[in-house]
Protein backbone atom coordinates (compact mmCIF):
# COMPACT_ATOMS: atom_id res chain seq x y z
CA MET A 1 -45.24 3.89 46.52
CA SER A 2 -43.30 2.19 43.33
CA ARG A 3 -41.45 4.63 41.02
CA LYS A 4 -40.83 2.58 37.44
CA GLY A 5 -37.81 3.81 35.17
CA PHE A 6 -34.23 5.03 35.69
CA THR A 7 -32.21 6.72 37.84
CA LEU A 8 -30.25 9.76 36.32
CA LEU A 9 -26.98 8.16 37.37
CA GLU A 10 -28.22 5.10 35.47
CA LEU A 11 -28.58 6.82 32.65
CA ILE A 12 -25.43 8.79 32.61
CA VAL A 13 -23.38 5.49 33.13
CA VAL A 14 -24.72 3.69 30.06
CA ILE A 15 -23.70 6.70 28.22
CA ILE A 16 -20.43 6.99 28.93
CA ILE A 17 -20.48 3.06 28.05
CA LEU A 18 -21.94 3.36 25.24
CA GLY A 19 -19.31 6.98 23.91
CA ILE A 20 -16.40 4.11 24.96
CA LEU A 21 -17.35 1.65 22.86
CA ALA A 22 -18.23 3.27 20.00
CA THR A 23 -15.32 5.01 20.37
CA LEU A 24 -13.46 1.79 19.74
CA ALA A 25 -15.93 0.70 17.15
CA ILE A 26 -14.11 4.16 15.11
CA TYR A 27 -11.00 3.59 15.64
CA GLN A 28 -10.96 -0.51 15.16
CA TYR A 29 -12.66 0.75 11.63
CA ALA A 30 -10.43 3.48 10.55
CA ARG A 31 -7.85 0.88 10.54
CA THR A 32 -9.60 -2.09 8.97
CA VAL A 33 -10.33 1.05 5.94
CA GLU A 34 -6.76 2.11 5.82
CA LYS A 35 -5.36 -1.90 5.43
CA SER A 36 -7.85 -1.92 2.70
CA ARG A 37 -6.22 1.20 0.77
CA GLY A 38 -3.04 -1.30 0.68
CA ALA A 39 -4.62 -3.17 -1.34
CA GLU A 40 -4.45 -1.13 -3.76
CA ALA A 41 -0.51 -1.55 -3.66
CA ARG A 42 -0.52 -5.20 -3.73
CA ASN A 43 -2.86 -4.75 -7.01
CA VAL A 44 -0.49 -2.46 -8.95
CA LEU A 45 2.78 -4.16 -7.70
CA GLY A 46 1.42 -7.63 -8.73
CA ALA A 47 0.31 -6.31 -11.96
CA ILE A 48 4.09 -4.69 -12.20
CA ARG A 49 6.02 -8.30 -11.17
CA SER A 50 3.59 -9.47 -14.33
CA ASN A 51 5.29 -7.07 -16.54
CA ALA A 52 8.44 -7.51 -15.42
CA ALA A 53 7.81 -10.64 -15.55
CA ALA A 54 6.55 -10.80 -19.28
CA ILE A 55 10.05 -8.81 -19.49
CA TYR A 56 12.65 -10.52 -17.64
CA MET A 57 11.47 -14.09 -20.23
CA ALA A 58 11.22 -12.21 -23.92
CA ASN A 59 15.13 -10.67 -23.04
CA SER A 60 15.58 -13.80 -21.71
CA SER A 61 18.20 -12.08 -19.83
CA ASN A 62 18.32 -10.52 -16.85
CA CYS A 63 16.34 -7.54 -15.20
CA ASN A 64 19.09 -5.31 -15.68
CA PRO A 65 19.32 -2.10 -16.95
CA ALA A 66 22.85 -2.82 -18.89
CA THR A 67 21.85 -5.66 -20.19
CA GLY A 68 19.36 -4.19 -21.89
CA ALA A 69 16.57 -6.12 -19.81
CA GLN A 70 14.58 -2.79 -18.37
CA CYS A 71 13.18 -3.86 -15.11
CA ASP A 72 12.80 -0.23 -13.94
CA ASN A 73 9.59 2.22 -14.79
CA ALA A 74 9.97 3.25 -17.77
CA GLY A 75 10.98 -0.42 -19.38
CA LEU A 76 7.51 -1.47 -17.43
CA GLY A 77 5.40 1.09 -19.75
CA MET A 78 2.44 1.30 -17.23
CA PRO A 79 2.03 5.15 -17.43
CA GLY A 80 -0.58 6.97 -14.72
CA VAL A 81 1.64 4.93 -12.67
CA TYR A 82 4.53 6.82 -12.28
CA PRO A 83 3.60 10.53 -11.66
CA GLY A 84 6.94 11.76 -10.96
CA PRO A 85 9.76 10.79 -8.71
CA THR A 86 9.74 11.67 -5.62
CA ALA A 87 6.86 10.84 -3.32
CA GLY A 88 6.04 14.03 -3.07
CA ASP A 89 4.67 13.68 -6.47
CA CYS A 90 1.65 11.96 -5.24
CA ASP A 91 -0.64 11.52 -8.13
CA PRO A 92 -4.23 11.99 -7.53
CA SER A 93 -5.79 9.00 -8.41
CA HIS A 94 -3.49 7.01 -6.34
CA TYR A 95 -3.52 6.53 -2.77
CA PHE A 96 0.39 5.25 -2.89
CA TRP A 97 3.41 6.49 -4.84
CA TYR A 98 4.97 3.87 -6.65
CA ASN A 99 8.69 3.21 -7.91
CA VAL A 100 10.58 0.20 -9.40
CA SER A 101 14.79 -0.61 -9.19
CA ALA A 102 16.86 -3.24 -10.34
CA THR A 103 17.95 -3.99 -7.32
CA VAL A 104 18.60 -7.26 -7.86
CA ALA A 105 20.77 -9.52 -10.84
CA ASN A 106 18.10 -10.99 -11.44
CA GLY A 107 14.76 -9.19 -10.29
CA PHE A 108 14.01 -6.19 -9.13
CA THR A 109 12.60 -4.20 -6.18
CA ALA A 110 8.73 -2.11 -5.95
CA LEU A 111 7.51 -0.46 -3.35
CA ALA A 112 4.51 1.63 -2.65
CA THR A 113 4.73 4.46 -0.34
CA ARG A 114 1.43 5.87 1.14
CA CYS A 115 0.47 9.82 0.14
CA THR A 116 1.15 12.30 3.01
CA ALA A 117 -0.04 15.09 -0.19
CA GLY A 118 -1.25 15.59 -2.80
CA GLY A 119 -2.70 11.39 -3.36
CA ARG A 120 -6.38 10.28 -3.43
CA PRO A 121 -7.75 11.87 -0.39
CA PRO A 122 -7.68 11.06 2.85
CA ASN A 123 -3.84 11.68 2.71
CA ALA A 124 -2.41 9.40 5.31
CA THR A 125 -0.19 10.65 8.68
CA ALA A 126 2.84 8.75 8.02
CA ALA A 127 4.79 7.32 4.85
CA ASP A 128 3.88 3.78 5.07
CA THR A 129 5.41 1.08 2.63
CA VAL A 130 4.47 -1.70 0.69
CA GLN A 131 7.07 -3.15 -1.04
CA LEU A 132 7.43 -6.41 -3.33
CA GLN A 133 11.12 -8.28 -3.92
CA THR A 134 11.06 -10.45 -6.67
CA ASP A 135 13.93 -12.89 -8.12
CA PHE A 136 13.80 -14.51 -11.77
CA SER A 137 16.69 -16.40 -10.99
CA ALA A 138 15.28 -20.69 -10.49
CA ALA A 139 16.19 -20.46 -6.42
CA GLY A 140 14.08 -16.83 -6.41
CA GLY A 141 10.57 -15.83 -5.51
CA ASP A 142 8.56 -12.87 -4.29
CA THR A 143 8.82 -11.00 -0.65
CA TRP A 144 6.42 -9.01 0.75
CA ILE A 145 7.47 -6.77 3.67
CA THR A 146 5.59 -3.94 4.74
CA THR A 147 5.53 -1.24 7.32
CA GLY A 148 2.60 0.20 9.40
CA ALA A 149 -0.89 -0.87 8.80
CA TYR A 150 -0.63 -2.94 5.38
């Protein structure tokens, strides 16, 4: 008498293998989704850079608040992008909190910090960052610095 089919042990092994593969796939999917949220930060930082370049060119001077070329939050005039002075003031419509400072003589540093509370859900467990340093001088350029998944 011949039996056709699988034994219970074979079925359990297949189920365990499928469970391991599903766990790896879910982890990789979560990482990919979080990385895609960094696109918001790069998009907003790019808009900040464009606005700062316009301010720089209009003032024919460096982006230093002391000279009148405001490349900080107020000078860029992007309402809703800068919800508050601290990272705890995340806007519910953004995954990141944004801050700009005129730390370079002919440019600025813009920082996007991932919201851990108060931002667009789901909030992150770590405040990873995407940073853009821009120098508008003749030898200048853009430098991107990231931490975490971005």
